Amino acid sequence: MANNESVRRHLDAFTRGRIIGKLEEGRSVTSVAAEFGTAHSIVSRLWRQFQTTGTAIRGFSSGHPRGTTPADDRYIVLQARRNRRQTAGEIARHPTQAIGRPISRFTVARKLHGGGMFA
């Protein structure tokens, strides 16, 4: 990797806790940043987050919301086991009525595959 390319690294939970501890002792953001070898903006943002939320834990998100709940997934597999000759498209129409929102046949096929069945 070239020298001018930046590398993104997240601070692990232990390091974040140590930084917060130093700041709670009354140390300056600049001195703490220098000690840990990070930019002062990172330490400043971490400190501000800690003061507003009371925690320094990173939030995680998968990005794309789930289309079906785990209970919906079990229902789809149950329907497929009841009538093994149904296609994924036919199975997709039944949960749509029961759940109240449309589910694509591709989603059904993926859920059946996860349940050990194939559509």
PDB file of N, CA and C in Angstrom:
ATOM      1  N   MET A   1       0.839  -1.169   0.000  1.00  0.00           N
ATOM      2  CA  MET A   1       0.000   0.000   0.000  1.00  0.00           C
ATOM      3  C   MET A   1       0.889   1.239   0.000  1.00  0.00           C
ATOM      4  N   ALA A   2       0.527   2.213  -0.795  1.00  0.00           N
ATOM      5  CA  ALA A   2       1.325   3.426  -0.907  1.00  0.00           C
ATOM      6  C   ALA A   2       1.226   4.252   0.372  1.00  0.00           C
ATOM      7  N   ASN A   3       2.217   5.078   0.593  1.00  0.00           N
ATOM      8  CA  ASN A   3       2.265   5.879   1.809  1.00  0.00           C
ATOM      9  C   ASN A   3       1.158   6.919   1.891  1.00  0.00           C
ATOM     10  N   ASN A   4       0.675   7.399   0.732  1.00  0.00           N
ATOM     11  CA  ASN A   4      -0.322   8.460   0.775  1.00  0.00           C
ATOM     12  C   ASN A   4      -1.753   7.933   0.934  1.00  0.00           C
ATOM     13  N   GLU A   5      -1.941   6.608   0.943  1.00  0.00           N
ATOM     14  CA  GLU A   5      -3.269   6.044   1.162  1.00  0.00           C
ATOM     15  C   GLU A   5      -3.511   5.890   2.658  1.00  0.00           C
ATOM     16  N   SER A   6      -4.689   6.313   3.098  1.00  0.00           N
ATOM     17  CA  SER A   6      -4.989   6.202   4.521  1.00  0.00           C
ATOM     18  C   SER A   6      -5.599   4.835   4.820  1.00  0.00           C
ATOM     19  N   VAL A   7      -5.343   4.353   6.015  1.00  0.00           N
ATOM     20  CA  VAL A   7      -5.872   3.072   6.461  1.00  0.00           C
ATOM     21  C   VAL A   7      -6.858   3.360   7.579  1.00  0.00           C
ATOM     22  N   ARG A   8      -8.078   2.809   7.449  1.00  0.00           N
ATOM     23  CA  ARG A   8      -9.094   3.015   8.478  1.00  0.00           C
ATOM     24  C   ARG A   8      -9.022   1.894   9.492  1.00  0.00           C
ATOM     25  N   ARG A   9      -8.776   2.244  10.735  1.00  0.00           N
ATOM     26  CA  ARG A   9      -8.763   1.256  11.810  1.00  0.00           C
ATOM     27  C   ARG A   9      -9.680   1.745  12.918  1.00  0.00           C
ATOM     28  N   HIS A  10     -10.503   0.873  13.434  1.00  0.00           N
ATOM     29  CA  HIS A  10     -11.348   1.230  14.569  1.00  0.00           C
ATOM     30  C   HIS A  10     -10.574   0.960  15.849  1.00  0.00           C
ATOM     31  N   LEU A  11     -10.807   1.804  16.834  1.00  0.00           N
ATOM     32  CA  LEU A  11     -10.205   1.572  18.142  1.00  0.00           C
ATOM     33  C   LEU A  11     -10.961   0.431  18.817  1.00  0.00           C
ATOM     34  N   ASP A  12     -10.237  -0.512  19.397  1.00  0.00           N
ATOM     35  CA  ASP A  12     -10.923  -1.596  20.093  1.00  0.00           C
ATOM     36  C   ASP A  12     -11.518  -1.060  21.395  1.00  0.00           C
ATOM     37  N   ALA A  13     -12.435  -1.822  21.973  1.00  0.00           N
ATOM     38  CA  ALA A  13     -13.180  -1.376  23.148  1.00  0.00           C
ATOM     39  C   ALA A  13     -12.249  -1.063  24.323  1.00  0.00           C
ATOM     40  N   PHE A  14     -11.202  -1.852  24.492  1.00  0.00           N
ATOM     41  CA  PHE A  14     -10.282  -1.630  25.605  1.00  0.00           C
ATOM     42  C   PHE A  14      -9.565  -0.288  25.463  1.00  0.00           C
ATOM     43  N   THR A  15      -9.081   0.006  24.244  1.00  0.00           N
ATOM     44  CA  THR A  15      -8.386   1.273  23.999  1.00  0.00           C
ATOM     45  C   THR A  15      -9.337   2.446  24.182  1.00  0.00           C
ATOM     46  N   ARG A  16     -10.572   2.304  23.712  1.00  0.00           N
ATOM     47  CA  ARG A  16     -11.557   3.369  23.882  1.00  0.00           C
ATOM     48  C   ARG A  16     -11.773   3.656  25.369  1.00  0.00           C
ATOM     49  N   GLY A  17     -11.846   2.592  26.170  1.00  0.00           N
ATOM     50  CA  GLY A  17     -12.023   2.755  27.606  1.00  0.00           C
ATOM     51  C   GLY A  17     -10.838   3.441  28.261  1.00  0.00           C
ATOM     52  N   ARG A  18      -9.631   3.088  27.821  1.00  0.00           N
ATOM     53  CA  ARG A  18      -8.430   3.730  28.372  1.00  0.00           C
ATOM     54  C   ARG A  18      -8.407   5.217  28.040  1.00  0.00           C
ATOM     55  N   ILE A  19      -8.797   5.550  26.792  1.00  0.00           N
ATOM     56  CA  ILE A  19      -8.821   6.959  26.380  1.00  0.00           C
ATOM     57  C   ILE A  19      -9.819   7.732  27.239  1.00  0.00           C
ATOM     58  N   ILE A  20     -11.015   7.170  27.427  1.00  0.00           N
ATOM     59  CA  ILE A  20     -12.032   7.828  28.253  1.00  0.00           C
ATOM     60  C   ILE A  20     -11.514   8.012  29.679  1.00  0.00           C
ATOM     61  N   GLY A  21     -10.840   7.000  30.210  1.00  0.00           N
ATOM     62  CA  GLY A  21     -10.287   7.091  31.559  1.00  0.00           C
ATOM     63  C   GLY A  21      -9.289   8.224  31.706  1.00  0.00           C
ATOM     64  N   LYS A  22      -8.408   8.376  30.718  1.00  0.00           N
ATOM     65  CA  LYS A  22      -7.411   9.456  30.767  1.00  0.00           C
ATOM     66  C   LYS A  22      -8.102  10.819  30.712  1.00  0.00           C
ATOM     67  N   LEU A  23      -9.143  10.925  29.862  1.00  0.00           N
ATOM     68  CA  LEU A  23      -9.854  12.198  29.749  1.00  0.00           C
ATOM     69  C   LEU A  23     -10.626  12.513  31.030  1.00  0.00           C
ATOM     70  N   GLU A  24     -11.152  11.480  31.690  1.00  0.00           N
ATOM     71  CA  GLU A  24     -11.859  11.692  32.955  1.00  0.00           C
ATOM     72  C   GLU A  24     -10.908  12.139  34.061  1.00  0.00           C
ATOM     73  N   GLU A  25      -9.627  11.757  33.946  1.00  0.00           N
ATOM     74  CA  GLU A  25      -8.621  12.198  34.915  1.00  0.00           C
ATOM     75  C   GLU A  25      -8.331  13.684  34.775  1.00  0.00           C
ATOM     76  N   GLY A  26      -8.746  14.277  33.656  1.00  0.00           N
ATOM     77  CA  GLY A  26      -8.522  15.696  33.448  1.00  0.00           C
ATOM     78  C   GLY A  26      -7.449  16.005  32.422  1.00  0.00           C
ATOM     79  N   ARG A  27      -6.927  14.966  31.765  1.00  0.00           N
ATOM     80  CA  ARG A  27      -5.909  15.185  30.739  1.00  0.00           C
ATOM     81  C   ARG A  27      -6.528  15.864  29.534  1.00  0.00           C
ATOM     82  N   SER A  28      -5.713  16.563  28.750  1.00  0.00           N
ATOM     83  CA  SER A  28      -6.212  17.250  27.558  1.00  0.00           C
ATOM     84  C   SER A  28      -6.371  16.261  26.407  1.00  0.00           C
ATOM     85  N   VAL A  29      -7.263  16.613  25.480  1.00  0.00           N
ATOM     86  CA  VAL A  29      -7.523  15.772  24.311  1.00  0.00           C
ATOM     87  C   VAL A  29      -6.245  15.606  23.502  1.00  0.00           C
ATOM     88  N   THR A  30      -5.488  16.678  23.339  1.00  0.00           N
ATOM     89  CA  THR A  30      -4.267  16.640  22.537  1.00  0.00           C
ATOM     90  C   THR A  30      -3.226  15.702  23.137  1.00  0.00           C
ATOM     91  N   SER A  31      -3.034  15.762  24.463  1.00  0.00           N
ATOM     92  CA  SER A  31      -2.026  14.901  25.094  1.00  0.00           C
ATOM     93  C   SER A  31      -2.437  13.426  25.035  1.00  0.00           C
ATOM     94  N   VAL A  32      -3.730  13.149  25.194  1.00  0.00           N
ATOM     95  CA  VAL A  32      -4.208  11.765  25.118  1.00  0.00           C
ATOM     96  C   VAL A  32      -4.050  11.238  23.695  1.00  0.00           C
ATOM     97  N   ALA A  33      -4.379  12.073  22.712  1.00  0.00           N
ATOM     98  CA  ALA A  33      -4.239  11.665  21.311  1.00  0.00           C
ATOM     99  C   ALA A  33      -2.785  11.359  20.985  1.00  0.00           C
ATOM    100  N   ALA A  34      -1.865  12.187  21.482  1.00  0.00           N
ATOM    101  CA  ALA A  34      -0.444  11.964  21.232  1.00  0.00           C
ATOM    102  C   ALA A  34       0.025  10.665  21.890  1.00  0.00           C
ATOM    103  N   GLU A  35      -0.451  10.385  23.088  1.00  0.00           N
ATOM    104  CA  GLU A  35      -0.048   9.174  23.803  1.00  0.00           C
ATOM    105  C   GLU A  35      -0.503   7.902  23.075  1.00  0.00           C
ATOM    106  N   PHE A  36      -1.701   7.940  22.506  1.00  0.00           N
ATOM    107  CA  PHE A  36      -2.239   6.759  21.828  1.00  0.00           C
ATOM    108  C   PHE A  36      -1.931   6.733  20.338  1.00  0.00           C
ATOM    109  N   GLY A  37      -1.315   7.794  19.838  1.00  0.00           N
ATOM    110  CA  GLY A  37      -0.930   7.834  18.430  1.00  0.00           C
ATOM    111  C   GLY A  37      -2.102   7.950  17.474  1.00  0.00           C
ATOM    112  N   THR A  38      -3.156   8.651  17.900  1.00  0.00           N
ATOM    113  CA  THR A  38      -4.316   8.865  17.036  1.00  0.00           C
ATOM    114  C   THR A  38      -4.527  10.359  16.835  1.00  0.00           C
ATOM    115  N   ALA A  39      -5.346  10.696  15.864  1.00  0.00           N
ATOM    116  CA  ALA A  39      -5.654  12.100  15.602  1.00  0.00           C
ATOM    117  C   ALA A  39      -6.503  12.655  16.741  1.00  0.00           C
ATOM    118  N   HIS A  40      -6.308  13.927  17.047  1.00  0.00           N
ATOM    119  CA  HIS A  40      -7.061  14.519  18.157  1.00  0.00           C
ATOM    120  C   HIS A  40      -8.554  14.579  17.841  1.00  0.00           C
ATOM    121  N   SER A  41      -8.911  14.608  16.540  1.00  0.00           N
ATOM    122  CA  SER A  41     -10.335  14.640  16.173  1.00  0.00           C
ATOM    123  C   SER A  41     -11.034  13.340  16.579  1.00  0.00           C
ATOM    124  N   ILE A  42     -10.315  12.225  16.500  1.00  0.00           N
ATOM    125  CA  ILE A  42     -10.886  10.928  16.887  1.00  0.00           C
ATOM    126  C   ILE A  42     -11.132  10.902  18.390  1.00  0.00           C
ATOM    127  N   VAL A  43     -10.147  11.360  19.151  1.00  0.00           N
ATOM    128  CA  VAL A  43     -10.279  11.389  20.610  1.00  0.00           C
ATOM    129  C   VAL A  43     -11.384  12.361  21.015  1.00  0.00           C
ATOM    130  N   SER A  44     -11.435  13.500  20.344  1.00  0.00           N
ATOM    131  CA  SER A  44     -12.452  14.504  20.646  1.00  0.00           C
ATOM    132  C   SER A  44     -13.852  13.966  20.365  1.00  0.00           C
ATOM    133  N   ARG A  45     -14.018  13.271  19.235  1.00  0.00           N
ATOM    134  CA  ARG A  45     -15.319  12.698  18.880  1.00  0.00           C
ATOM    135  C   ARG A  45     -15.725  11.612  19.879  1.00  0.00           C
ATOM    136  N   LEU A  46     -14.748  10.790  20.288  1.00  0.00           N
ATOM    137  CA  LEU A  46     -15.012   9.743  21.270  1.00  0.00           C
ATOM    138  C   LEU A  46     -15.444  10.349  22.603  1.00  0.00           C
ATOM    139  N   TRP A  47     -14.786  11.404  23.027  1.00  0.00           N
ATOM    140  CA  TRP A  47     -15.095  12.069  24.285  1.00  0.00           C
ATOM    141  C   TRP A  47     -16.487  12.695  24.241  1.00  0.00           C
ATOM    142  N   ARG A  48     -16.812  13.334  23.104  1.00  0.00           N
ATOM    143  CA  ARG A  48     -18.131  13.958  22.951  1.00  0.00           C
ATOM    144  C   ARG A  48     -19.231  12.886  22.966  1.00  0.00           C
ATOM    145  N   GLN A  49     -18.970  11.754  22.291  1.00  0.00           N
ATOM    146  CA  GLN A  49     -19.939  10.655  22.283  1.00  0.00           C
ATOM    147  C   GLN A  49     -20.145  10.124  23.698  1.00  0.00           C
ATOM    148  N   PHE A  50     -19.071   9.981  24.446  1.00  0.00           N
ATOM    149  CA  PHE A  50     -19.161   9.471  25.813  1.00  0.00           C
ATOM    150  C   PHE A  50     -19.955  10.425  26.701  1.00  0.00           C
ATOM    151  N   GLN A  51     -19.737  11.725  26.529  1.00  0.00           N
ATOM    152  CA  GLN A  51     -20.434  12.699  27.368  1.00  0.00           C
ATOM    153  C   GLN A  51     -21.932  12.751  27.066  1.00  0.00           C
ATOM    154  N   THR A  52     -22.309  12.555  25.808  1.00  0.00           N
ATOM    155  CA  THR A  52     -23.731  12.633  25.458  1.00  0.00           C
ATOM    156  C   THR A  52     -24.471  11.325  25.730  1.00  0.00           C
ATOM    157  N   THR A  53     -23.848  10.188  25.426  1.00  0.00           N
ATOM    158  CA  THR A  53     -24.544   8.902  25.564  1.00  0.00           C
ATOM    159  C   THR A  53     -24.208   8.173  26.856  1.00  0.00           C
ATOM    160  N   GLY A  54     -23.076   8.504  27.467  1.00  0.00           N
ATOM    161  CA  GLY A  54     -22.659   7.812  28.676  1.00  0.00           C
ATOM    162  C   GLY A  54     -21.959   6.497  28.409  1.00  0.00           C
ATOM    163  N   THR A  55     -21.713   6.186  27.142  1.00  0.00           N
ATOM    164  CA  THR A  55     -21.032   4.949  26.788  1.00  0.00           C
ATOM    165  C   THR A  55     -20.114   5.202  25.599  1.00  0.00           C
ATOM    166  N   ALA A  56     -19.114   4.353  25.453  1.00  0.00           N
ATOM    167  CA  ALA A  56     -18.176   4.507  24.342  1.00  0.00           C
ATOM    168  C   ALA A  56     -18.239   3.300  23.419  1.00  0.00           C
ATOM    169  N   ILE A  57     -19.348   2.574  23.467  1.00  0.00           N
ATOM    170  CA  ILE A  57     -19.492   1.361  22.658  1.00  0.00           C
ATOM    171  C   ILE A  57     -19.914   1.745  21.248  1.00  0.00           C
ATOM    172  N   ARG A  58     -19.291   1.104  20.267  1.00  0.00           N
ATOM    173  CA  ARG A  58     -19.651   1.348  18.870  1.00  0.00           C
ATOM    174  C   ARG A  58     -20.991   0.701  18.555  1.00  0.00           C
ATOM    175  N   GLY A  59     -21.789   1.376  17.735  1.00  0.00           N
ATOM    176  CA  GLY A  59     -23.065   0.817  17.297  1.00  0.00           C
ATOM    177  C   GLY A  59     -22.865  -0.009  16.044  1.00  0.00           C
ATOM    178  N   PHE A  60     -23.574  -1.120  15.930  1.00  0.00           N
ATOM    179  CA  PHE A  60     -23.439  -1.984  14.767  1.00  0.00           C
ATOM    180  C   PHE A  60     -24.755  -2.024  14.010  1.00  0.00           C
ATOM    181  N   SER A  61     -24.673  -2.039  12.718  1.00  0.00           N
ATOM    182  CA  SER A  61     -25.850  -2.155  11.875  1.00  0.00           C
ATOM    183  C   SER A  61     -25.478  -2.935  10.630  1.00  0.00           C
ATOM    184  N   SER A  62     -26.390  -3.759  10.176  1.00  0.00           N
ATOM    185  CA  SER A  62     -26.082  -4.602   9.027  1.00  0.00           C
ATOM    186  C   SER A  62     -26.282  -3.877   7.706  1.00  0.00           C
ATOM    187  N   GLY A  63     -26.936  -2.746   7.721  1.00  0.00           N
ATOM    188  CA  GLY A  63     -27.129  -2.004   6.489  1.00  0.00           C
ATOM    189  C   GLY A  63     -28.507  -2.178   5.902  1.00  0.00           C
ATOM    190  N   HIS A  64     -28.848  -3.367   5.454  1.00  0.00           N
ATOM    191  CA  HIS A  64     -30.136  -3.590   4.807  1.00  0.00           C
ATOM    192  C   HIS A  64     -31.109  -4.210   5.800  1.00  0.00           C
ATOM    193  N   PRO A  65     -32.318  -3.642   5.942  1.00  0.00           N
ATOM    194  CA  PRO A  65     -33.260  -4.196   6.915  1.00  0.00           C
ATOM    195  C   PRO A  65     -33.794  -5.560   6.483  1.00  0.00           C
ATOM    196  N   ARG A  66     -34.146  -6.380   7.450  1.00  0.00           N
ATOM    197  CA  ARG A  66     -34.686  -7.714   7.174  1.00  0.00           C
ATOM    198  C   ARG A  66     -36.070  -7.601   6.556  1.00  0.00           C
ATOM    199  N   GLY A  67     -36.344  -8.453   5.571  1.00  0.00           N
ATOM    200  CA  GLY A  67     -37.663  -8.491   4.953  1.00  0.00           C
ATOM    201  C   GLY A  67     -38.624  -9.363   5.727  1.00  0.00           C
ATOM    202  N   THR A  68     -38.095 -10.384   6.394  1.00  0.00           N
ATOM    203  CA  THR A  68     -38.934 -11.306   7.161  1.00  0.00           C
ATOM    204  C   THR A  68     -38.331 -11.502   8.545  1.00  0.00           C
ATOM    205  N   THR A  69     -39.196 -11.784   9.496  1.00  0.00           N
ATOM    206  CA  THR A  69     -38.733 -12.069  10.852  1.00  0.00           C
ATOM    207  C   THR A  69     -38.370 -13.552  10.944  1.00  0.00           C
ATOM    208  N   PRO A  70     -37.657 -13.961  11.980  1.00  0.00           N
ATOM    209  CA  PRO A  70     -37.370 -15.392  12.149  1.00  0.00           C
ATOM    210  C   PRO A  70     -38.648 -16.243  12.216  1.00  0.00           C
ATOM    211  N   ALA A  71     -39.724 -15.686  12.797  1.00  0.00           N
ATOM    212  CA  ALA A  71     -40.999 -16.416  12.844  1.00  0.00           C
ATOM    213  C   ALA A  71     -41.565 -16.586  11.435  1.00  0.00           C
ATOM    214  N   ASP A  72     -41.446 -15.544  10.601  1.00  0.00           N
ATOM    215  CA  ASP A  72     -41.887 -15.642   9.201  1.00  0.00           C
ATOM    216  C   ASP A  72     -41.104 -16.730   8.474  1.00  0.00           C
ATOM    217  N   ASP A  73     -39.802 -16.785   8.725  1.00  0.00           N
ATOM    218  CA  ASP A  73     -38.952 -17.793   8.077  1.00  0.00           C
ATOM    219  C   ASP A  73     -39.421 -19.204   8.438  1.00  0.00           C
ATOM    220  N   ARG A  74     -39.729 -19.414   9.724  1.00  0.00           N
ATOM    221  CA  ARG A  74     -40.199 -20.731  10.165  1.00  0.00           C
ATOM    222  C   ARG A  74     -41.543 -21.072   9.523  1.00  0.00           C
ATOM    223  N   TYR A  75     -42.410 -20.068   9.381  1.00  0.00           N
ATOM    224  CA  TYR A  75     -43.721 -20.281   8.768  1.00  0.00           C
ATOM    225  C   TYR A  75     -43.575 -20.679   7.301  1.00  0.00           C
ATOM    226  N   ILE A  76     -42.659 -20.039   6.597  1.00  0.00           N
ATOM    227  CA  ILE A  76     -42.414 -20.357   5.182  1.00  0.00           C
ATOM    228  C   ILE A  76     -41.959 -21.807   5.040  1.00  0.00           C
ATOM    229  N   VAL A  77     -41.031 -22.238   5.881  1.00  0.00           N
ATOM    230  CA  VAL A  77     -40.535 -23.621   5.833  1.00  0.00           C
ATOM    231  C   VAL A  77     -41.657 -24.594   6.200  1.00  0.00           C
ATOM    232  N   LEU A  78     -42.479 -24.226   7.181  1.00  0.00           N
ATOM    233  CA  LEU A  78     -43.605 -25.077   7.585  1.00  0.00           C
ATOM    234  C   LEU A  78     -44.585 -25.263   6.427  1.00  0.00           C
ATOM    235  N   GLN A  79     -44.912 -24.172   5.728  1.00  0.00           N
ATOM    236  CA  GLN A  79     -45.824 -24.246   4.584  1.00  0.00           C
ATOM    237  C   GLN A  79     -45.251 -25.156   3.499  1.00  0.00           C
ATOM    238  N   ALA A  80     -43.958 -25.053   3.262  1.00  0.00           N
ATOM    239  CA  ALA A  80     -43.322 -25.870   2.225  1.00  0.00           C
ATOM    240  C   ALA A  80     -43.343 -27.346   2.605  1.00  0.00           C
ATOM    241  N   ARG A  81     -43.200 -27.647   3.895  1.00  0.00           N
ATOM    242  CA  ARG A  81     -43.218 -29.046   4.336  1.00  0.00           C
ATOM    243  C   ARG A  81     -44.624 -29.628   4.259  1.00  0.00           C
ATOM    244  N   ARG A  82     -45.644 -28.781   4.477  1.00  0.00           N
ATOM    245  CA  ARG A  82     -47.028 -29.254   4.414  1.00  0.00           C
ATOM    246  C   ARG A  82     -47.397 -29.687   3.001  1.00  0.00           C
ATOM    247  N   ASN A  83     -46.946 -28.905   2.020  1.00  0.00           N
ATOM    248  CA  ASN A  83     -47.239 -29.239   0.627  1.00  0.00           C
ATOM    249  C   ASN A  83     -45.943 -29.141  -0.160  1.00  0.00           C
ATOM    250  N   ARG A  84     -45.276 -30.253  -0.307  1.00  0.00           N
ATOM    251  CA  ARG A  84     -43.933 -30.262  -0.893  1.00  0.00           C
ATOM    252  C   ARG A  84     -43.928 -30.033  -2.398  1.00  0.00           C
ATOM    253  N   ARG A  85     -45.096 -30.040  -3.039  1.00  0.00           N
ATOM    254  CA  ARG A  85     -45.152 -29.860  -4.487  1.00  0.00           C
ATOM    255  C   ARG A  85     -45.315 -28.393  -4.889  1.00  0.00           C
ATOM    256  N   GLN A  86     -45.479 -27.503  -3.912  1.00  0.00           N
ATOM    257  CA  GLN A  86     -45.651 -26.082  -4.213  1.00  0.00           C
ATOM    258  C   GLN A  86     -44.351 -25.472  -4.709  1.00  0.00           C
ATOM    259  N   THR A  87     -44.489 -24.502  -5.618  1.00  0.00           N
ATOM    260  CA  THR A  87     -43.313 -23.754  -6.070  1.00  0.00           C
ATOM    261  C   THR A  87     -43.068 -22.600  -5.105  1.00  0.00           C
ATOM    262  N   ALA A  88     -41.910 -21.957  -5.242  1.00  0.00           N
ATOM    263  CA  ALA A  88     -41.579 -20.822  -4.376  1.00  0.00           C
ATOM    264  C   ALA A  88     -42.585 -19.689  -4.568  1.00  0.00           C
ATOM    265  N   GLY A  89     -43.032 -19.487  -5.806  1.00  0.00           N
ATOM    266  CA  GLY A  89     -44.019 -18.437  -6.077  1.00  0.00           C
ATOM    267  C   GLY A  89     -45.343 -18.694  -5.384  1.00  0.00           C
ATOM    268  N   GLU A  90     -45.789 -19.963  -5.381  1.00  0.00           N
ATOM    269  CA  GLU A  90     -47.040 -20.318  -4.701  1.00  0.00           C
ATOM    270  C   GLU A  90     -46.901 -20.158  -3.193  1.00  0.00           C
ATOM    271  N   ILE A  91     -45.762 -20.570  -2.667  1.00  0.00           N
ATOM    272  CA  ILE A  91     -45.523 -20.429  -1.222  1.00  0.00           C
ATOM    273  C   ILE A  91     -45.473 -18.951  -0.847  1.00  0.00           C
ATOM    274  N   ALA A  92     -44.913 -18.113  -1.710  1.00  0.00           N
ATOM    275  CA  ALA A  92     -44.778 -16.681  -1.425  1.00  0.00           C
ATOM    276  C   ALA A  92     -46.135 -16.009  -1.283  1.00  0.00           C
ATOM    277  N   ARG A  93     -47.159 -16.501  -1.982  1.00  0.00           N
ATOM    278  CA  ARG A  93     -48.485 -15.884  -1.904  1.00  0.00           C
ATOM    279  C   ARG A  93     -49.158 -16.141  -0.553  1.00  0.00           C
ATOM    280  N   HIS A  94     -48.899 -17.294   0.073  1.00  0.00           N
ATOM    281  CA  HIS A  94     -49.544 -17.614   1.351  1.00  0.00           C
ATOM    282  C   HIS A  94     -49.037 -16.746   2.500  1.00  0.00           C
ATOM    283  N   PRO A  95     -47.726 -16.602   2.701  1.00  0.00           N
ATOM    284  CA  PRO A  95     -47.266 -15.729   3.791  1.00  0.00           C
ATOM    285  C   PRO A  95     -47.684 -14.281   3.579  1.00  0.00           C
ATOM    286  N   THR A  96     -47.828 -13.853   2.316  1.00  0.00           N
ATOM    287  CA  THR A  96     -48.241 -12.481   2.051  1.00  0.00           C
ATOM    288  C   THR A  96     -49.603 -12.230   2.688  1.00  0.00           C
ATOM    289  N   GLN A  97     -50.504 -13.211   2.602  1.00  0.00           N
ATOM    290  CA  GLN A  97     -51.824 -13.064   3.215  1.00  0.00           C
ATOM    291  C   GLN A  97     -51.725 -13.140   4.738  1.00  0.00           C
ATOM    292  N   ALA A  98     -50.909 -14.050   5.248  1.00  0.00           N
ATOM    293  CA  ALA A  98     -50.808 -14.245   6.695  1.00  0.00           C
ATOM    294  C   ALA A  98     -50.030 -13.123   7.377  1.00  0.00           C
ATOM    295  N   ILE A  99     -48.937 -12.677   6.744  1.00  0.00           N
ATOM    296  CA  ILE A  99     -48.053 -11.684   7.352  1.00  0.00           C
ATOM    297  C   ILE A  99     -48.559 -10.270   7.096  1.00  0.00           C
ATOM    298  N   GLY A 100     -49.143 -10.060   5.911  1.00  0.00           N
ATOM    299  CA  GLY A 100     -49.695  -8.745   5.605  1.00  0.00           C
ATOM    300  C   GLY A 100     -48.807  -7.877   4.750  1.00  0.00           C
ATOM    301  N   ARG A 101     -47.683  -8.400   4.292  1.00  0.00           N
ATOM    302  CA  ARG A 101     -46.821  -7.633   3.386  1.00  0.00           C
ATOM    303  C   ARG A 101     -46.261  -8.597   2.346  1.00  0.00           C
ATOM    304  N   PRO A 102     -45.964  -8.093   1.155  1.00  0.00           N
ATOM    305  CA  PRO A 102     -45.500  -8.995   0.095  1.00  0.00           C
ATOM    306  C   PRO A 102     -44.100  -9.551   0.360  1.00  0.00           C
ATOM    307  N   ILE A 103     -43.912 -10.806  -0.030  1.00  0.00           N
ATOM    308  CA  ILE A 103     -42.610 -11.472   0.065  1.00  0.00           C
ATOM    309  C   ILE A 103     -42.309 -12.037  -1.316  1.00  0.00           C
ATOM    310  N   SER A 104     -41.124 -11.788  -1.821  1.00  0.00           N
ATOM    311  CA  SER A 104     -40.798 -12.261  -3.168  1.00  0.00           C
ATOM    312  C   SER A 104     -40.511 -13.759  -3.162  1.00  0.00           C
ATOM    313  N   ARG A 105     -40.658 -14.372  -4.337  1.00  0.00           N
ATOM    314  CA  ARG A 105     -40.390 -15.810  -4.448  1.00  0.00           C
ATOM    315  C   ARG A 105     -38.913 -16.104  -4.233  1.00  0.00           C
ATOM    316  N   PHE A 106     -38.061 -15.113  -4.516  1.00  0.00           N
ATOM    317  CA  PHE A 106     -36.620 -15.301  -4.296  1.00  0.00           C
ATOM    318  C   PHE A 106     -36.310 -15.351  -2.800  1.00  0.00           C
ATOM    319  N   THR A 107     -37.021 -14.523  -2.025  1.00  0.00           N
ATOM    320  CA  THR A 107     -36.859 -14.563  -0.567  1.00  0.00           C
ATOM    321  C   THR A 107     -37.294 -15.922  -0.042  1.00  0.00           C
ATOM    322  N   VAL A 108     -38.428 -16.421  -0.548  1.00  0.00           N
ATOM    323  CA  VAL A 108     -38.929 -17.735  -0.121  1.00  0.00           C
ATOM    324  C   VAL A 108     -37.908 -18.816  -0.452  1.00  0.00           C
ATOM    325  N   ALA A 109     -37.364 -18.778  -1.669  1.00  0.00           N
ATOM    326  CA  ALA A 109     -36.373 -19.782  -2.073  1.00  0.00           C
ATOM    327  C   ALA A 109     -35.152 -19.740  -1.162  1.00  0.00           C
ATOM    328  N   ARG A 110     -34.715 -18.531  -0.787  1.00  0.00           N
ATOM    329  CA  ARG A 110     -33.558 -18.376   0.097  1.00  0.00           C
ATOM    330  C   ARG A 110     -33.860 -18.939   1.487  1.00  0.00           C
ATOM    331  N   LYS A 111     -35.071 -18.685   1.995  1.00  0.00           N
ATOM    332  CA  LYS A 111     -35.453 -19.182   3.322  1.00  0.00           C
ATOM    333  C   LYS A 111     -35.577 -20.708   3.318  1.00  0.00           C
ATOM    334  N   LEU A 112     -36.121 -21.263   2.233  1.00  0.00           N
ATOM    335  CA  LEU A 112     -36.230 -22.721   2.145  1.00  0.00           C
ATOM    336  C   LEU A 112     -34.851 -23.361   2.080  1.00  0.00           C
ATOM    337  N   HIS A 113     -33.963 -22.733   1.350  1.00  0.00           N
ATOM    338  CA  HIS A 113     -32.597 -23.250   1.258  1.00  0.00           C
ATOM    339  C   HIS A 113     -31.940 -23.235   2.640  1.00  0.00           C
ATOM    340  N   GLY A 114     -32.185 -22.154   3.403  1.00  0.00           N
ATOM    341  CA  GLY A 114     -31.659 -22.068   4.768  1.00  0.00           C
ATOM    342  C   GLY A 114     -32.258 -23.125   5.672  1.00  0.00           C
ATOM    343  N   GLY A 115     -33.499 -23.551   5.367  1.00  0.00           N
ATOM    344  CA  GLY A 115     -34.163 -24.580   6.159  1.00  0.00           C
ATOM    345  C   GLY A 115     -33.885 -25.988   5.670  1.00  0.00           C
ATOM    346  N   GLY A 116     -32.970 -26.121   4.698  1.00  0.00           N
ATOM    347  CA  GLY A 116     -32.602 -27.441   4.197  1.00  0.00           C
ATOM    348  C   GLY A 116     -33.503 -27.958   3.095  1.00  0.00           C
ATOM    349  N   MET A 117     -34.323 -27.057   2.519  1.00  0.00           N
ATOM    350  CA  MET A 117     -35.216 -27.462   1.433  1.00  0.00           C
ATOM    351  C   MET A 117     -34.862 -26.660   0.188  1.00  0.00           C
ATOM    352  N   PHE A 118     -35.371 -27.100  -0.951  1.00  0.00           N
ATOM    353  CA  PHE A 118     -35.071 -26.417  -2.203  1.00  0.00           C
ATOM    354  C   PHE A 118     -36.360 -26.162  -2.958  1.00  0.00           C
ATOM    355  N   ALA A 119     -36.448 -24.990  -3.572  1.00  0.00           N
ATOM    356  CA  ALA A 119     -37.655 -24.640  -4.326  1.00  0.00           C
ATOM    357  C   ALA A 119     -37.322 -24.558  -5.808  1.00  0.00           C
TER     358      ALA A 119
END
